[in-house]
N, C-alpha and C. Protein backbone atom coordinates (compact mmCIF):
# COMPACT_ATOMS: atom_id res chain seq x y z
N UNK A 1 66.74 137.31 81.95
CA UNK A 1 66.27 136.50 81.02
C UNK A 1 67.28 135.55 81.25
N UNK A 2 66.55 134.37 80.91
CA UNK A 2 67.61 132.71 81.34
C UNK A 2 67.49 132.40 80.11
N UNK A 3 68.64 131.91 78.96
CA UNK A 3 68.65 130.75 77.96
C UNK A 3 68.44 129.81 77.77
N UNK A 4 67.86 129.01 77.20
CA UNK A 4 68.62 127.31 77.58
C UNK A 4 68.98 127.07 76.43
N UNK A 5 70.01 126.43 76.48
CA UNK A 5 70.83 125.71 75.66
C UNK A 5 70.48 124.47 75.46
N UNK A 6 70.11 123.99 74.09
CA UNK A 6 69.54 122.75 73.50
C UNK A 6 70.54 122.20 73.07
N UNK A 7 71.24 120.70 73.18
CA UNK A 7 72.66 120.32 72.35
C UNK A 7 71.13 119.51 70.96
N UNK A 8 71.69 120.01 70.06
CA UNK A 8 71.31 118.83 68.89
C UNK A 8 72.54 118.72 68.57
N UNK A 9 72.03 118.11 66.95
CA UNK A 9 73.22 117.59 66.30
C UNK A 9 74.23 118.57 65.39
N UNK A 10 73.55 119.55 65.41
CA UNK A 10 74.12 120.63 65.07
C UNK A 10 75.32 121.37 65.58
N UNK A 11 74.62 121.39 67.13
CA UNK A 11 75.19 122.40 68.24
C UNK A 11 76.87 121.38 68.69
N UNK A 12 78.08 122.11 68.45
CA UNK A 12 78.87 121.61 69.08
C UNK A 12 78.90 121.44 70.30
N UNK A 13 79.81 120.53 71.15
CA UNK A 13 79.66 119.80 72.13
C UNK A 13 81.18 120.70 72.70
N UNK A 14 81.68 120.84 73.84
CA UNK A 14 82.64 121.23 74.55
C UNK A 14 83.63 119.95 75.29
N UNK A 15 84.39 120.11 74.38
CA UNK A 15 85.50 118.89 74.59
C UNK A 15 86.39 119.13 75.36
N UNK A 16 86.53 118.61 76.90
CA UNK A 16 87.78 119.01 77.84
C UNK A 16 88.92 117.38 77.96
N UNK A 17 90.21 117.73 77.35
CA UNK A 17 90.97 117.35 77.67
C UNK A 17 91.34 116.76 78.48
N UNK A 18 91.54 115.96 78.88
CA UNK A 18 91.84 114.63 80.30
C UNK A 18 93.28 114.62 80.11
N UNK A 19 93.79 115.04 81.65
CA UNK A 19 95.16 114.28 81.38
C UNK A 19 95.30 113.48 82.66
N UNK A 20 95.77 112.45 82.80
CA UNK A 20 96.48 111.64 84.15
C UNK A 20 97.90 112.49 85.09
N UNK A 21 96.86 112.03 85.82
CA UNK A 21 98.19 112.97 87.00
C UNK A 21 99.54 112.11 86.62
N UNK A 22 100.55 112.68 86.74
CA UNK A 22 101.94 112.24 86.52
C UNK A 22 102.13 110.96 87.94
N UNK A 23 102.81 109.89 87.44
CA UNK A 23 102.86 108.85 88.37
C UNK A 23 104.07 109.08 89.24
N UNK A 24 103.49 109.23 90.83
CA UNK A 24 105.13 109.45 91.83
C UNK A 24 105.32 107.85 91.96
N UNK A 25 106.87 107.69 92.28
CA UNK A 25 106.70 106.39 92.33
C UNK A 25 106.75 106.52 94.16
N UNK A 26 105.46 105.48 94.42
CA UNK A 26 105.42 105.40 95.96
C UNK A 26 106.04 104.26 96.54
N UNK A 27 107.39 104.60 97.70
CA UNK A 27 108.52 103.66 97.94
C UNK A 27 107.92 103.17 99.45
N UNK A 28 106.89 102.13 99.64
CA UNK A 28 107.05 101.59 100.94
C UNK A 28 107.95 101.96 102.43
N UNK A 29 107.48 102.52 103.29
CA UNK A 29 108.39 102.54 104.54
C UNK A 29 109.42 101.89 104.76
N UNK A 30 108.43 101.07 104.93
CA UNK A 30 109.34 99.64 105.34
C UNK A 30 109.40 98.16 104.37
N UNK A 31 109.65 97.57 103.96
CA UNK A 31 109.41 96.97 102.56
C UNK A 31 110.66 95.88 102.52
N UNK A 32 110.08 94.41 101.85
CA UNK A 32 111.26 93.14 101.62
C UNK A 32 111.63 93.49 100.19
N UNK A 33 112.66 93.71 99.48
CA UNK A 33 112.81 93.70 98.31
C UNK A 33 113.49 92.45 97.88
N UNK A 34 113.25 91.74 96.63
CA UNK A 34 113.61 90.20 96.14
C UNK A 34 115.15 90.97 95.08
N UNK A 35 115.42 90.03 94.57
CA UNK A 35 116.91 90.35 93.54
C UNK A 35 115.92 90.90 92.19
N UNK A 36 114.68 90.69 92.25
CA UNK A 36 114.03 91.50 90.77
C UNK A 36 113.53 92.75 90.86
N UNK A 37 113.51 93.17 92.18
CA UNK A 37 113.24 94.46 92.12
C UNK A 37 111.51 94.67 92.67
N UNK A 38 111.15 93.62 93.45
CA UNK A 38 110.09 93.41 93.89
C UNK A 38 110.00 94.01 95.35
N UNK A 39 108.81 94.71 95.18
CA UNK A 39 108.56 94.99 97.18
C UNK A 39 107.34 94.70 97.43
N UNK A 40 107.42 93.83 98.79
CA UNK A 40 106.28 94.01 99.87
C UNK A 40 106.56 94.11 100.96
N UNK A 41 105.34 94.01 101.79
CA UNK A 41 105.41 94.70 103.19
C UNK A 41 105.50 93.36 104.30
N UNK A 42 107.03 93.58 104.66
CA UNK A 42 107.24 92.64 105.56
C UNK A 42 106.57 92.05 106.47
N UNK A 43 106.29 91.22 107.45
CA UNK A 43 105.90 90.27 108.25
C UNK A 43 106.45 90.72 109.88
N UNK A 44 106.78 91.59 110.20
CA UNK A 44 106.97 91.56 111.73
C UNK A 44 106.78 91.63 112.90
N UNK A 45 107.03 91.09 113.98
CA UNK A 45 106.65 91.57 115.19
C UNK A 45 107.68 91.65 116.38
N UNK A 46 107.38 92.85 117.50
CA UNK A 46 108.36 92.35 118.62
C UNK A 46 108.36 91.88 119.63
N UNK A 47 109.36 91.01 120.00
CA UNK A 47 109.54 90.18 120.84
C UNK A 47 110.76 90.33 121.59
N UNK A 48 110.85 89.81 122.61
CA UNK A 48 111.69 89.91 123.74
C UNK A 48 112.92 88.90 123.69
N UNK A 49 114.10 89.57 124.06
CA UNK A 49 115.23 88.86 123.81
C UNK A 49 115.21 87.72 124.97
N UNK A 50 115.26 86.53 124.99
CA UNK A 50 115.34 85.56 125.79
C UNK A 50 116.71 85.88 127.04
N UNK A 51 117.44 86.57 126.46
CA UNK A 51 118.82 86.92 127.54
C UNK A 51 118.91 88.05 128.60
N UNK A 52 118.18 89.21 127.83
CA UNK A 52 118.28 90.52 128.59
C UNK A 52 117.16 90.97 128.59
N UNK A 53 116.06 90.10 128.02
CA UNK A 53 114.53 90.99 127.92
C UNK A 53 114.57 91.99 127.55
N UNK A 54 115.46 92.73 126.66
CA UNK A 54 115.12 93.76 125.25
C UNK A 54 114.46 93.64 124.28
N UNK A 55 113.90 94.46 123.58
CA UNK A 55 113.37 94.27 122.54
C UNK A 55 113.93 94.02 121.10
N UNK A 56 113.45 93.02 120.69
CA UNK A 56 114.01 92.37 119.58
C UNK A 56 112.89 92.29 118.80
N UNK A 57 113.38 93.04 117.17
CA UNK A 57 112.88 92.85 116.31
C UNK A 57 112.46 91.57 115.33
N UNK A 58 111.60 90.75 115.50
CA UNK A 58 111.34 89.40 114.57
C UNK A 58 111.14 89.95 112.88
N UNK A 59 111.40 89.54 112.19
CA UNK A 59 110.57 89.38 110.53
C UNK A 59 110.69 87.68 109.98
N UNK A 60 109.58 87.42 109.46
CA UNK A 60 109.07 86.50 108.93
C UNK A 60 109.65 86.10 107.32
N UNK A 61 110.91 84.98 107.23
CA UNK A 61 111.21 84.76 105.94
C UNK A 61 110.37 84.26 105.43
N UNK A 62 110.20 85.09 104.55
CA UNK A 62 109.09 84.67 103.20
C UNK A 62 110.00 84.91 101.32
N UNK A 63 109.25 84.03 100.57
CA UNK A 63 110.16 84.23 99.01
C UNK A 63 108.98 85.57 98.29
N UNK A 64 109.41 85.59 97.91
CA UNK A 64 109.07 87.14 96.89
C UNK A 64 107.36 86.55 96.54
N UNK A 65 106.13 87.30 97.16
CA UNK A 65 104.83 86.79 96.17
C UNK A 65 104.94 87.14 95.02
N UNK A 66 105.52 87.62 94.40
CA UNK A 66 105.53 87.70 92.79
C UNK A 66 106.18 86.65 91.83
N UNK A 67 107.39 86.39 92.37
CA UNK A 67 108.55 85.14 91.59
C UNK A 67 108.77 84.78 92.38
N UNK A 68 108.64 84.13 93.26
CA UNK A 68 108.85 83.04 94.35
C UNK A 68 110.26 83.10 94.60
N UNK A 69 111.10 84.37 94.55
CA UNK A 69 112.59 84.84 94.87
C UNK A 69 112.83 85.01 96.42
N UNK A 70 114.13 84.35 96.92
CA UNK A 70 113.97 85.00 98.58
C UNK A 70 114.39 86.64 98.60
N UNK A 71 114.29 86.88 99.87
CA UNK A 71 114.44 88.59 100.08
C UNK A 71 115.68 88.79 99.67
N UNK A 72 116.26 89.96 98.88
CA UNK A 72 117.97 90.14 98.63
C UNK A 72 117.80 91.45 99.72
N UNK A 73 117.13 92.30 100.44
CA UNK A 73 117.23 93.29 101.19
C UNK A 73 116.10 93.68 101.78
N UNK A 74 116.15 94.08 103.28
CA UNK A 74 115.02 94.63 103.99
C UNK A 74 115.18 95.71 104.31
N UNK A 75 114.23 96.67 104.47
CA UNK A 75 114.27 98.03 104.60
C UNK A 75 113.00 98.37 105.57
N UNK A 76 114.04 98.92 106.67
CA UNK A 76 113.08 99.46 108.48
C UNK A 76 112.71 100.57 108.21
N UNK A 77 111.59 101.49 108.55
CA UNK A 77 111.36 103.01 108.76
C UNK A 77 111.91 103.15 110.30
N UNK A 78 112.21 104.04 110.70
CA UNK A 78 112.29 104.24 111.97
C UNK A 78 112.37 105.76 112.44
N UNK A 79 111.40 105.94 113.17
CA UNK A 79 111.13 107.55 113.65
C UNK A 79 111.48 107.29 115.48
N UNK A 80 112.18 108.55 115.30
CA UNK A 80 112.89 108.82 116.79
C UNK A 80 111.74 109.87 117.10
N UNK A 81 110.84 109.80 117.99
CA UNK A 81 109.75 111.08 118.08
C UNK A 81 109.76 111.61 119.40
N UNK A 82 109.79 112.94 118.99
CA UNK A 82 109.81 113.58 120.34
C UNK A 82 108.62 113.56 121.17
N UNK A 83 108.75 113.87 122.75
CA UNK A 83 107.18 113.23 123.31
C UNK A 83 106.16 114.13 122.78
N UNK A 84 105.07 113.11 122.51
CA UNK A 84 103.53 113.72 122.21
C UNK A 84 104.11 114.25 120.40
N UNK A 85 104.79 113.30 120.09
CA UNK A 85 105.08 113.71 118.77
C UNK A 85 103.92 112.55 117.75
N UNK A 86 103.62 112.29 116.83
CA UNK A 86 103.19 111.88 115.91
C UNK A 86 103.90 111.08 114.47
N UNK A 87 103.18 109.78 114.16
CA UNK A 87 103.74 109.08 113.04
C UNK A 87 102.86 109.55 111.83
N UNK A 88 103.76 110.19 110.60
CA UNK A 88 103.00 110.55 109.92
C UNK A 88 103.74 109.83 108.64
N UNK A 89 102.55 109.52 107.40
CA UNK A 89 102.98 108.79 106.53
C UNK A 89 104.14 109.71 105.62
N UNK A 90 105.34 109.22 105.78
CA UNK A 90 106.51 109.90 104.92
C UNK A 90 106.34 109.17 103.30
N UNK A 91 105.92 107.91 103.36
CA UNK A 91 105.46 107.56 101.74
C UNK A 91 104.43 108.15 101.48
N UNK A 92 103.51 109.06 101.37
CA UNK A 92 102.64 109.73 100.85
C UNK A 92 103.28 111.05 100.60
N UNK A 93 104.62 111.72 101.37
CA UNK A 93 105.04 113.02 101.13
C UNK A 93 104.70 113.81 101.96
N UNK A 94 103.99 113.28 103.06
CA UNK A 94 104.19 114.21 104.18
C UNK A 94 105.50 114.38 105.21
N UNK A 95 105.99 115.79 105.88
CA UNK A 95 106.68 116.16 106.58
C UNK A 95 106.71 115.28 108.00
N UNK A 96 107.59 115.01 108.74
CA UNK A 96 107.55 114.68 110.06
C UNK A 96 108.39 115.43 110.95
N UNK A 97 107.49 115.50 112.38
CA UNK A 97 108.74 115.99 113.46
C UNK A 97 109.51 115.44 113.97
N UNK A 98 109.47 113.95 113.88
CA UNK A 98 110.51 113.11 113.80
C UNK A 98 111.72 112.85 113.02
N UNK A 99 113.08 112.65 113.95
CA UNK A 99 114.06 112.10 113.10
C UNK A 99 113.89 111.11 112.76
N UNK A 100 113.51 110.90 111.24
CA UNK A 100 113.07 109.54 110.28
C UNK A 100 114.58 109.33 109.76
N UNK A 101 114.59 107.25 110.06
CA UNK A 101 115.99 107.30 109.39
C UNK A 101 114.69 105.58 108.82
N UNK A 102 115.83 105.62 108.02
CA UNK A 102 116.24 103.98 106.76
C UNK A 102 116.77 103.14 107.24
N UNK A 103 116.32 101.93 107.40
CA UNK A 103 117.68 100.76 107.86
C UNK A 103 117.58 99.93 106.54
N UNK A 104 118.35 99.65 105.98
CA UNK A 104 118.68 98.70 104.45
C UNK A 104 119.45 97.63 105.03
N UNK A 105 119.02 96.24 105.19
CA UNK A 105 119.60 95.46 105.64
C UNK A 105 120.01 94.34 104.26
N UNK A 106 120.77 94.27 103.79
CA UNK A 106 121.25 93.05 102.72
C UNK A 106 120.93 91.47 103.48
N UNK A 107 119.94 90.90 103.03
CA UNK A 107 119.66 89.71 103.73
C UNK A 107 120.65 88.18 102.49
N UNK A 108 121.23 87.81 102.84
CA UNK A 108 122.42 86.80 102.29
C UNK A 108 121.58 85.10 102.62
N UNK A 109 120.99 85.06 103.65
CA UNK A 109 120.65 83.54 103.83
C UNK A 109 120.70 82.51 102.74
N UNK A 110 119.85 83.01 101.55
CA UNK A 110 119.35 82.51 100.53
C UNK A 110 120.98 81.58 99.50
N UNK A 111 122.38 82.55 100.04
CA UNK A 111 123.54 82.28 99.46
C UNK A 111 124.09 80.89 99.83
N UNK A 112 124.24 80.72 101.34
CA UNK A 112 124.44 79.71 101.69
C UNK A 112 123.42 78.36 101.33
N UNK A 113 121.90 78.46 101.07
CA UNK A 113 121.36 77.86 100.97
C UNK A 113 121.56 77.39 99.61
N UNK A 114 121.69 77.51 98.69
CA UNK A 114 122.39 77.35 96.94
C UNK A 114 123.66 76.81 96.95
N UNK A 115 124.55 77.09 97.82
CA UNK A 115 125.52 76.81 97.99
C UNK A 115 125.67 75.12 98.96
N UNK A 116 124.69 74.82 99.61
CA UNK A 116 124.67 73.55 100.05
C UNK A 116 123.71 72.35 99.23
N UNK A 117 123.04 73.67 98.49
CA UNK A 117 122.15 72.74 97.07
C UNK A 117 123.21 72.08 96.40
N UNK A 118 123.89 73.09 95.66
CA UNK A 118 124.83 72.57 94.61
C UNK A 118 125.81 71.73 95.32
N UNK A 119 126.48 71.62 96.36
CA UNK A 119 126.90 70.55 96.93
C UNK A 119 126.18 69.39 97.17
N UNK A 120 124.80 69.23 97.50
CA UNK A 120 124.36 67.82 97.62
C UNK A 120 123.92 67.44 96.11
N UNK A 121 123.93 68.11 95.29
CA UNK A 121 123.80 67.62 93.75
C UNK A 121 124.89 67.48 92.76
N UNK A 122 126.28 67.28 93.37
CA UNK A 122 127.35 67.19 92.75
C UNK A 122 127.18 65.74 92.77
N UNK A 123 128.13 64.78 91.89
CA UNK A 123 128.27 63.49 91.80
C UNK A 123 129.74 63.37 93.03
N UNK A 124 129.57 62.40 93.75
CA UNK A 124 130.31 61.73 94.30
C UNK A 124 131.78 61.58 93.38
N UNK A 125 133.49 62.07 93.49
CA UNK A 125 134.18 60.95 93.11
C UNK A 125 134.76 60.20 93.30
N UNK A 126 135.24 59.34 91.91
CA UNK A 126 135.45 57.82 92.35
C UNK A 126 136.80 57.60 92.37
């Protein structure tokens, strides 16, 4: 025997409590970071050194797309892979067979630019 349940205004409805999943902070594997803490993906390319022809990582100098501040630090992920190894998304919590390293390089090109800007704006002594 099959019973049909008909909802009417007098029949109570089941209410399910919904909970949002906890937010986990996703940290990009490689990123530019401004002084205000904003992160965005860097524009990088592999080039050859004109002297020794060895590989050279070139990073495009850009301002923060959110607040227009300069890059304060550059974070680069490197994977030391075994033969036949695969690159895994450690930024999403995956384990890796590689030896993963994160290089963090402070950027200070803007300090010199700011100092030069201040010197040019100061009035000359009479």
